[in-house]
Amino acid sequence: MNISQVYIASDHAGYEAKMQVKSILENMGVLVIDLGTDNAKNSVDYPDFAALVANSIKSNDEFGVLICGSGIGISIAANRFSHIRCALGHNATIARLSREHNDANVLCFGARVVGDEVIKDMVEVFFTTEFSGGRHQKRVEKLGVCQCS
């Protein structure tokens, strides 16, 4: 998989982890577009940063990373956008499967629940794994269809 650029953002709780992810991605030769926040001291609202990344992703070959304290709130906020398939990662296996089976275009995690080595493993696996397609394609297509009543 050849990823040229990644949009990244976090709230204050995810700031330090965001800086780690930026370094990992840059070492992989990826251009990282940092959409904030710019420090860990000032409390900010994670939905605002999820929206910044979601609105920056315009095509199927663009990707993002979102980080908050638990990963839950920011992933919920990102998945409100119909073109976003944000996967809440906890380990490299989940990161790999989210790409292979779900064609996830945003990796999300909680800075307070995963450690540095897990972050490194998840990022490397997520951004080197291709979508399998095949039987998974029709399921992914259904994700973009509102099944609301």
N, C-alpha and C. Protein backbone atom coordinates (compact mmCIF):
# COMPACT_ATOMS: atom_id res chain seq x y z
N MET A 1 0.85 -1.16 0.00
CA MET A 1 0.00 0.00 0.00
C MET A 1 0.90 1.23 0.00
N ASN A 2 0.62 2.16 -0.88
CA ASN A 2 1.44 3.35 -1.00
C ASN A 2 0.66 4.57 -0.52
N ILE A 3 0.86 4.96 0.71
CA ILE A 3 0.18 6.11 1.31
C ILE A 3 1.13 7.30 1.20
N SER A 4 0.67 8.39 0.58
CA SER A 4 1.54 9.55 0.44
C SER A 4 1.32 10.59 1.54
N GLN A 5 0.06 10.71 2.02
CA GLN A 5 -0.18 11.66 3.09
C GLN A 5 -1.29 11.18 4.00
N VAL A 6 -1.23 11.65 5.25
CA VAL A 6 -2.20 11.27 6.26
C VAL A 6 -2.57 12.52 7.05
N TYR A 7 -3.87 12.70 7.26
CA TYR A 7 -4.36 13.77 8.14
C TYR A 7 -4.40 13.23 9.56
N ILE A 8 -3.96 14.03 10.50
CA ILE A 8 -3.92 13.59 11.89
C ILE A 8 -4.42 14.70 12.81
N ALA A 9 -5.13 14.29 13.86
CA ALA A 9 -5.58 15.25 14.87
C ALA A 9 -5.85 14.51 16.17
N SER A 10 -5.86 15.29 17.24
CA SER A 10 -6.15 14.74 18.56
C SER A 10 -6.74 15.83 19.43
N ASP A 11 -7.33 15.40 20.52
CA ASP A 11 -7.67 16.36 21.56
C ASP A 11 -6.46 16.47 22.48
N HIS A 12 -6.62 17.20 23.59
CA HIS A 12 -5.51 17.41 24.52
C HIS A 12 -4.98 16.11 25.11
N ALA A 13 -5.86 15.15 25.37
CA ALA A 13 -5.44 13.88 25.96
C ALA A 13 -4.59 13.05 25.00
N GLY A 14 -4.79 13.26 23.71
CA GLY A 14 -4.05 12.49 22.71
C GLY A 14 -2.86 13.19 22.11
N TYR A 15 -2.55 14.38 22.61
CA TYR A 15 -1.49 15.18 21.98
C TYR A 15 -0.14 14.46 21.93
N GLU A 16 0.32 13.92 23.04
CA GLU A 16 1.63 13.25 23.06
C GLU A 16 1.66 12.05 22.13
N ALA A 17 0.59 11.26 22.12
CA ALA A 17 0.51 10.11 21.21
C ALA A 17 0.48 10.57 19.76
N LYS A 18 -0.18 11.69 19.50
CA LYS A 18 -0.22 12.23 18.13
C LYS A 18 1.18 12.56 17.65
N MET A 19 1.99 13.14 18.52
CA MET A 19 3.36 13.47 18.14
C MET A 19 4.17 12.20 17.86
N GLN A 20 3.90 11.13 18.61
CA GLN A 20 4.56 9.85 18.36
C GLN A 20 4.14 9.30 16.99
N VAL A 21 2.85 9.35 16.69
CA VAL A 21 2.36 8.83 15.41
C VAL A 21 2.94 9.64 14.25
N LYS A 22 3.01 10.95 14.41
CA LYS A 22 3.61 11.78 13.36
C LYS A 22 5.02 11.31 13.04
N SER A 23 5.80 11.05 14.07
CA SER A 23 7.17 10.60 13.89
C SER A 23 7.23 9.24 13.18
N ILE A 24 6.37 8.33 13.58
CA ILE A 24 6.34 7.00 12.95
C ILE A 24 6.01 7.14 11.46
N LEU A 25 4.97 7.91 11.16
CA LEU A 25 4.56 8.07 9.77
C LEU A 25 5.62 8.78 8.93
N GLU A 26 6.23 9.80 9.49
CA GLU A 26 7.28 10.51 8.75
C GLU A 26 8.46 9.59 8.49
N ASN A 27 8.78 8.71 9.43
CA ASN A 27 9.85 7.73 9.22
C ASN A 27 9.48 6.71 8.15
N MET A 28 8.18 6.55 7.89
CA MET A 28 7.71 5.67 6.82
C MET A 28 7.65 6.41 5.48
N GLY A 29 8.02 7.69 5.48
CA GLY A 29 8.02 8.48 4.26
C GLY A 29 6.67 9.10 3.92
N VAL A 30 5.79 9.21 4.90
CA VAL A 30 4.45 9.75 4.70
C VAL A 30 4.43 11.22 5.10
N LEU A 31 3.81 12.05 4.27
CA LEU A 31 3.58 13.45 4.62
C LEU A 31 2.42 13.50 5.61
N VAL A 32 2.64 14.11 6.76
CA VAL A 32 1.62 14.18 7.81
C VAL A 32 1.07 15.60 7.87
N ILE A 33 -0.24 15.71 7.69
CA ILE A 33 -0.92 16.99 7.79
C ILE A 33 -1.55 17.06 9.19
N ASP A 34 -0.94 17.85 10.06
CA ASP A 34 -1.36 17.94 11.46
C ASP A 34 -2.43 19.02 11.59
N LEU A 35 -3.63 18.60 11.97
CA LEU A 35 -4.77 19.51 12.09
C LEU A 35 -5.05 19.92 13.54
N GLY A 36 -4.13 19.60 14.45
CA GLY A 36 -4.28 20.03 15.84
C GLY A 36 -4.63 18.88 16.76
N THR A 37 -4.72 19.16 17.96
CA THR A 37 -4.45 20.35 18.74
C THR A 37 -2.95 20.53 18.88
N ASP A 38 -2.56 21.69 19.37
CA ASP A 38 -1.13 21.99 19.40
C ASP A 38 -0.49 21.91 20.79
N ASN A 39 -1.24 21.40 21.77
CA ASN A 39 -0.64 21.19 23.09
C ASN A 39 -1.55 20.30 23.94
N ALA A 40 -1.00 19.85 25.05
CA ALA A 40 -1.76 18.97 25.95
C ALA A 40 -2.36 19.75 27.12
N LYS A 41 -2.07 21.03 27.21
CA LYS A 41 -2.47 21.81 28.38
C LYS A 41 -3.89 22.36 28.28
N ASN A 42 -4.29 22.78 27.09
CA ASN A 42 -5.60 23.41 26.92
C ASN A 42 -6.65 22.39 26.52
N SER A 43 -7.69 22.27 27.32
CA SER A 43 -8.77 21.34 27.04
C SER A 43 -9.50 21.76 25.76
N VAL A 44 -9.69 20.80 24.86
CA VAL A 44 -10.40 21.03 23.60
C VAL A 44 -11.44 19.94 23.40
N ASP A 45 -12.32 20.14 22.44
CA ASP A 45 -13.43 19.21 22.20
C ASP A 45 -13.10 18.26 21.04
N TYR A 46 -13.04 16.97 21.33
CA TYR A 46 -12.66 15.98 20.32
C TYR A 46 -13.56 15.98 19.09
N PRO A 47 -14.89 16.26 19.16
CA PRO A 47 -15.68 16.25 17.92
C PRO A 47 -15.19 17.26 16.89
N ASP A 48 -14.63 18.38 17.35
CA ASP A 48 -14.12 19.39 16.42
C ASP A 48 -12.95 18.84 15.62
N PHE A 49 -12.11 18.06 16.25
CA PHE A 49 -10.93 17.53 15.56
C PHE A 49 -11.28 16.34 14.68
N ALA A 50 -12.27 15.56 15.09
CA ALA A 50 -12.76 14.50 14.21
C ALA A 50 -13.33 15.10 12.93
N ALA A 51 -14.06 16.20 13.06
CA ALA A 51 -14.64 16.86 11.89
C ALA A 51 -13.55 17.43 10.97
N LEU A 52 -12.49 17.97 11.55
CA LEU A 52 -11.41 18.51 10.72
C LEU A 52 -10.79 17.41 9.84
N VAL A 53 -10.52 16.26 10.44
CA VAL A 53 -9.95 15.16 9.66
C VAL A 53 -10.96 14.63 8.65
N ALA A 54 -12.19 14.40 9.08
CA ALA A 54 -13.22 13.86 8.18
C ALA A 54 -13.44 14.78 6.99
N ASN A 55 -13.49 16.07 7.23
CA ASN A 55 -13.73 17.02 6.14
C ASN A 55 -12.52 17.19 5.23
N SER A 56 -11.34 16.81 5.70
CA SER A 56 -10.14 16.88 4.87
C SER A 56 -10.01 15.68 3.94
N ILE A 57 -10.58 14.56 4.32
CA ILE A 57 -10.51 13.34 3.51
C ILE A 57 -11.55 13.46 2.40
N LYS A 58 -11.07 13.55 1.17
CA LYS A 58 -11.95 13.79 0.03
C LYS A 58 -12.08 12.60 -0.92
N SER A 59 -11.14 11.65 -0.84
CA SER A 59 -11.17 10.53 -1.79
C SER A 59 -10.84 9.23 -1.09
N ASN A 60 -11.03 8.13 -1.81
CA ASN A 60 -10.80 6.79 -1.24
C ASN A 60 -9.34 6.49 -0.96
N ASP A 61 -8.44 7.29 -1.49
CA ASP A 61 -7.02 7.02 -1.25
C ASP A 61 -6.42 7.99 -0.22
N GLU A 62 -7.29 8.61 0.58
CA GLU A 62 -6.82 9.49 1.64
C GLU A 62 -7.16 8.87 3.00
N PHE A 63 -6.30 9.12 3.98
CA PHE A 63 -6.41 8.46 5.27
C PHE A 63 -6.20 9.43 6.41
N GLY A 64 -6.60 9.00 7.61
CA GLY A 64 -6.43 9.83 8.79
C GLY A 64 -6.13 9.01 10.02
N VAL A 65 -5.70 9.73 11.06
CA VAL A 65 -5.50 9.17 12.40
C VAL A 65 -6.12 10.14 13.38
N LEU A 66 -6.90 9.62 14.31
CA LEU A 66 -7.54 10.42 15.35
C LEU A 66 -7.24 9.81 16.72
N ILE A 67 -6.99 10.68 17.70
CA ILE A 67 -6.61 10.20 19.02
C ILE A 67 -7.30 11.06 20.09
N CYS A 68 -7.91 10.40 21.04
CA CYS A 68 -8.40 11.09 22.24
C CYS A 68 -8.02 10.21 23.43
N GLY A 69 -8.59 10.47 24.58
CA GLY A 69 -8.21 9.70 25.77
C GLY A 69 -8.54 8.23 25.65
N SER A 70 -9.80 7.91 25.33
CA SER A 70 -10.23 6.52 25.22
C SER A 70 -10.31 6.04 23.78
N GLY A 71 -10.42 6.97 22.84
CA GLY A 71 -10.63 6.64 21.44
C GLY A 71 -12.09 6.52 21.09
N ILE A 72 -12.94 6.35 22.06
CA ILE A 72 -14.35 6.10 21.80
C ILE A 72 -15.06 7.33 21.27
N GLY A 73 -14.96 8.44 21.97
CA GLY A 73 -15.69 9.64 21.56
C GLY A 73 -15.29 10.14 20.19
N ILE A 74 -13.99 10.18 19.92
CA ILE A 74 -13.53 10.70 18.65
C ILE A 74 -13.88 9.76 17.49
N SER A 75 -13.93 8.45 17.76
CA SER A 75 -14.33 7.51 16.71
C SER A 75 -15.83 7.64 16.41
N ILE A 76 -16.64 7.84 17.43
CA ILE A 76 -18.07 8.06 17.21
C ILE A 76 -18.27 9.31 16.37
N ALA A 77 -17.56 10.38 16.74
CA ALA A 77 -17.69 11.64 16.00
C ALA A 77 -17.27 11.47 14.54
N ALA A 78 -16.18 10.78 14.29
CA ALA A 78 -15.70 10.60 12.92
C ALA A 78 -16.66 9.75 12.09
N ASN A 79 -17.22 8.72 12.69
CA ASN A 79 -18.09 7.82 11.95
C ASN A 79 -19.46 8.42 11.64
N ARG A 80 -19.73 9.60 12.09
CA ARG A 80 -20.96 10.30 11.71
C ARG A 80 -20.88 10.81 10.27
N PHE A 81 -19.68 10.84 9.70
CA PHE A 81 -19.47 11.26 8.32
C PHE A 81 -19.57 10.03 7.42
N SER A 82 -20.43 10.08 6.42
CA SER A 82 -20.75 8.89 5.63
C SER A 82 -19.56 8.30 4.88
N HIS A 83 -18.56 9.08 4.56
CA HIS A 83 -17.41 8.58 3.80
C HIS A 83 -16.27 8.11 4.71
N ILE A 84 -16.48 8.18 6.00
CA ILE A 84 -15.43 7.78 6.95
C ILE A 84 -15.75 6.40 7.52
N ARG A 85 -14.72 5.56 7.54
CA ARG A 85 -14.78 4.26 8.19
C ARG A 85 -13.65 4.25 9.22
N CYS A 86 -13.98 4.77 10.39
CA CYS A 86 -12.99 4.95 11.46
C CYS A 86 -12.98 3.71 12.34
N ALA A 87 -11.81 3.10 12.46
CA ALA A 87 -11.65 1.89 13.26
C ALA A 87 -10.97 2.23 14.58
N LEU A 88 -11.59 1.81 15.66
CA LEU A 88 -11.02 2.00 16.99
C LEU A 88 -10.05 0.85 17.26
N GLY A 89 -8.78 1.15 17.21
CA GLY A 89 -7.75 0.13 17.36
C GLY A 89 -7.32 -0.08 18.79
N HIS A 90 -7.03 -1.33 19.11
CA HIS A 90 -6.51 -1.69 20.43
C HIS A 90 -5.20 -2.46 20.29
N ASN A 91 -4.95 -2.99 19.10
CA ASN A 91 -3.72 -3.76 18.85
C ASN A 91 -3.51 -3.90 17.34
N ALA A 92 -2.40 -4.48 16.96
CA ALA A 92 -2.05 -4.60 15.54
C ALA A 92 -3.02 -5.51 14.78
N THR A 93 -3.55 -6.52 15.43
CA THR A 93 -4.50 -7.41 14.77
C THR A 93 -5.75 -6.66 14.35
N ILE A 94 -6.30 -5.86 15.26
CA ILE A 94 -7.48 -5.06 14.94
C ILE A 94 -7.15 -4.07 13.83
N ALA A 95 -5.98 -3.45 13.88
CA ALA A 95 -5.58 -2.51 12.83
C ALA A 95 -5.52 -3.20 11.47
N ARG A 96 -4.94 -4.40 11.43
CA ARG A 96 -4.83 -5.14 10.18
C ARG A 96 -6.21 -5.54 9.66
N LEU A 97 -7.05 -6.09 10.53
CA LEU A 97 -8.38 -6.53 10.10
C LEU A 97 -9.26 -5.36 9.67
N SER A 98 -9.09 -4.21 10.32
CA SER A 98 -9.89 -3.05 9.93
C SER A 98 -9.57 -2.60 8.51
N ARG A 99 -8.36 -2.80 8.08
CA ARG A 99 -7.98 -2.48 6.69
C ARG A 99 -8.41 -3.62 5.76
N GLU A 100 -8.06 -4.86 6.09
CA GLU A 100 -8.34 -6.00 5.22
C GLU A 100 -9.83 -6.21 5.00
N HIS A 101 -10.62 -6.16 6.05
CA HIS A 101 -12.03 -6.52 5.97
C HIS A 101 -12.97 -5.33 5.86
N ASN A 102 -12.59 -4.19 6.44
CA ASN A 102 -13.52 -3.06 6.52
C ASN A 102 -13.09 -1.86 5.70
N ASP A 103 -11.93 -1.94 5.05
CA ASP A 103 -11.41 -0.83 4.26
C ASP A 103 -11.42 0.47 5.07
N ALA A 104 -11.06 0.38 6.35
CA ALA A 104 -11.03 1.56 7.21
C ALA A 104 -10.10 2.61 6.62
N ASN A 105 -10.53 3.86 6.67
CA ASN A 105 -9.69 4.94 6.16
C ASN A 105 -9.20 5.87 7.28
N VAL A 106 -9.63 5.62 8.50
CA VAL A 106 -9.14 6.36 9.65
C VAL A 106 -8.84 5.37 10.78
N LEU A 107 -7.65 5.48 11.32
CA LEU A 107 -7.28 4.71 12.51
C LEU A 107 -7.45 5.61 13.72
N CYS A 108 -8.10 5.10 14.72
CA CYS A 108 -8.35 5.84 15.95
C CYS A 108 -7.90 4.98 17.11
N PHE A 109 -7.45 5.63 18.16
CA PHE A 109 -7.15 4.88 19.38
C PHE A 109 -7.16 5.83 20.57
N GLY A 110 -7.17 5.23 21.74
CA GLY A 110 -7.15 5.98 22.98
C GLY A 110 -5.75 6.06 23.55
N ALA A 111 -5.27 7.28 23.73
CA ALA A 111 -3.92 7.47 24.25
C ALA A 111 -3.78 6.97 25.68
N ARG A 112 -4.89 6.91 26.40
CA ARG A 112 -4.84 6.46 27.79
C ARG A 112 -4.99 4.95 27.94
N VAL A 113 -5.20 4.24 26.82
CA VAL A 113 -5.44 2.80 26.93
C VAL A 113 -4.48 1.94 26.12
N VAL A 114 -3.63 2.54 25.30
CA VAL A 114 -2.62 1.76 24.57
C VAL A 114 -1.25 2.38 24.79
N GLY A 115 -0.25 1.52 24.82
CA GLY A 115 1.12 1.98 25.07
C GLY A 115 1.88 2.27 23.79
N ASP A 116 3.08 2.77 23.96
CA ASP A 116 3.91 3.22 22.84
C ASP A 116 4.19 2.12 21.81
N GLU A 117 4.51 0.92 22.27
CA GLU A 117 4.81 -0.17 21.32
C GLU A 117 3.57 -0.59 20.55
N VAL A 118 2.43 -0.61 21.21
CA VAL A 118 1.17 -0.95 20.54
C VAL A 118 0.84 0.11 19.51
N ILE A 119 1.04 1.36 19.85
CA ILE A 119 0.79 2.45 18.89
C ILE A 119 1.66 2.25 17.66
N LYS A 120 2.94 2.02 17.86
CA LYS A 120 3.86 1.81 16.73
C LYS A 120 3.41 0.64 15.86
N ASP A 121 3.08 -0.47 16.48
CA ASP A 121 2.64 -1.66 15.73
C ASP A 121 1.36 -1.39 14.96
N MET A 122 0.38 -0.74 15.61
CA MET A 122 -0.89 -0.45 14.93
C MET A 122 -0.69 0.45 13.73
N VAL A 123 0.07 1.51 13.90
CA VAL A 123 0.27 2.46 12.80
C VAL A 123 0.98 1.79 11.63
N GLU A 124 2.05 1.07 11.91
CA GLU A 124 2.79 0.40 10.84
C GLU A 124 1.92 -0.60 10.10
N VAL A 125 1.14 -1.39 10.82
CA VAL A 125 0.29 -2.40 10.19
C VAL A 125 -0.85 -1.74 9.42
N PHE A 126 -1.52 -0.76 10.02
CA PHE A 126 -2.66 -0.11 9.37
C PHE A 126 -2.24 0.49 8.02
N PHE A 127 -1.09 1.14 8.00
CA PHE A 127 -0.68 1.86 6.79
C PHE A 127 0.16 1.02 5.82
N THR A 128 0.23 -0.28 6.07
CA THR A 128 0.87 -1.17 5.09
C THR A 128 -0.04 -2.31 4.67
N THR A 129 -1.27 -2.31 5.14
CA THR A 129 -2.22 -3.38 4.83
C THR A 129 -3.23 -2.91 3.79
N GLU A 130 -3.44 -3.74 2.79
CA GLU A 130 -4.40 -3.46 1.72
C GLU A 130 -5.77 -4.02 2.08
N PHE A 131 -6.79 -3.41 1.54
CA PHE A 131 -8.16 -3.93 1.63
C PHE A 131 -8.24 -5.20 0.79
N SER A 132 -8.82 -6.25 1.34
CA SER A 132 -8.91 -7.53 0.64
C SER A 132 -9.93 -7.53 -0.48
N GLY A 133 -10.96 -6.70 -0.36
CA GLY A 133 -12.02 -6.71 -1.37
C GLY A 133 -12.78 -8.01 -1.31
N GLY A 134 -13.09 -8.56 -2.48
CA GLY A 134 -13.80 -9.83 -2.54
C GLY A 134 -15.09 -9.82 -1.76
N ARG A 135 -15.28 -10.82 -0.92
CA ARG A 135 -16.52 -10.94 -0.17
C ARG A 135 -16.76 -9.78 0.78
N HIS A 136 -15.69 -9.04 1.12
CA HIS A 136 -15.82 -7.91 2.03
C HIS A 136 -16.35 -6.66 1.33
N GLN A 137 -16.21 -6.60 0.01
CA GLN A 137 -16.59 -5.40 -0.73
C GLN A 137 -18.06 -5.04 -0.55
N LYS A 138 -18.95 -6.01 -0.71
CA LYS A 138 -20.39 -5.71 -0.60
C LYS A 138 -20.75 -5.26 0.81
N ARG A 139 -20.06 -5.77 1.80
CA ARG A 139 -20.33 -5.36 3.18
C ARG A 139 -19.89 -3.93 3.42
N VAL A 140 -18.73 -3.58 2.90
CA VAL A 140 -18.24 -2.21 3.04
C VAL A 140 -19.17 -1.24 2.32
N GLU A 141 -19.66 -1.64 1.16
CA GLU A 141 -20.61 -0.78 0.43
C GLU A 141 -21.86 -0.51 1.24
N LYS A 142 -22.31 -1.48 2.02
CA LYS A 142 -23.48 -1.30 2.86
C LYS A 142 -23.24 -0.30 3.99
N LEU A 143 -22.00 -0.10 4.37
CA LEU A 143 -21.68 0.85 5.44
C LEU A 143 -22.04 2.28 5.06
N GLY A 144 -22.00 2.59 3.78
CA GLY A 144 -22.31 3.92 3.32
C GLY A 144 -23.79 4.18 3.11
N VAL A 145 -24.61 3.17 3.32
CA VAL A 145 -26.04 3.30 3.11
C VAL A 145 -26.71 3.50 4.46
N CYS A 146 -27.45 4.59 4.60
CA CYS A 146 -28.16 4.85 5.86
C CYS A 146 -29.29 3.84 6.00
N GLN A 147 -29.29 3.12 7.10
CA GLN A 147 -30.34 2.16 7.37
C GLN A 147 -31.20 2.66 8.52
N CYS A 148 -31.36 3.97 8.55
CA CYS A 148 -32.14 4.62 9.62
C CYS A 148 -33.63 4.52 9.30
N SER A 149 -34.44 4.57 10.34
CA SER A 149 -35.87 4.54 10.11
C SER A 149 -36.45 5.93 10.22
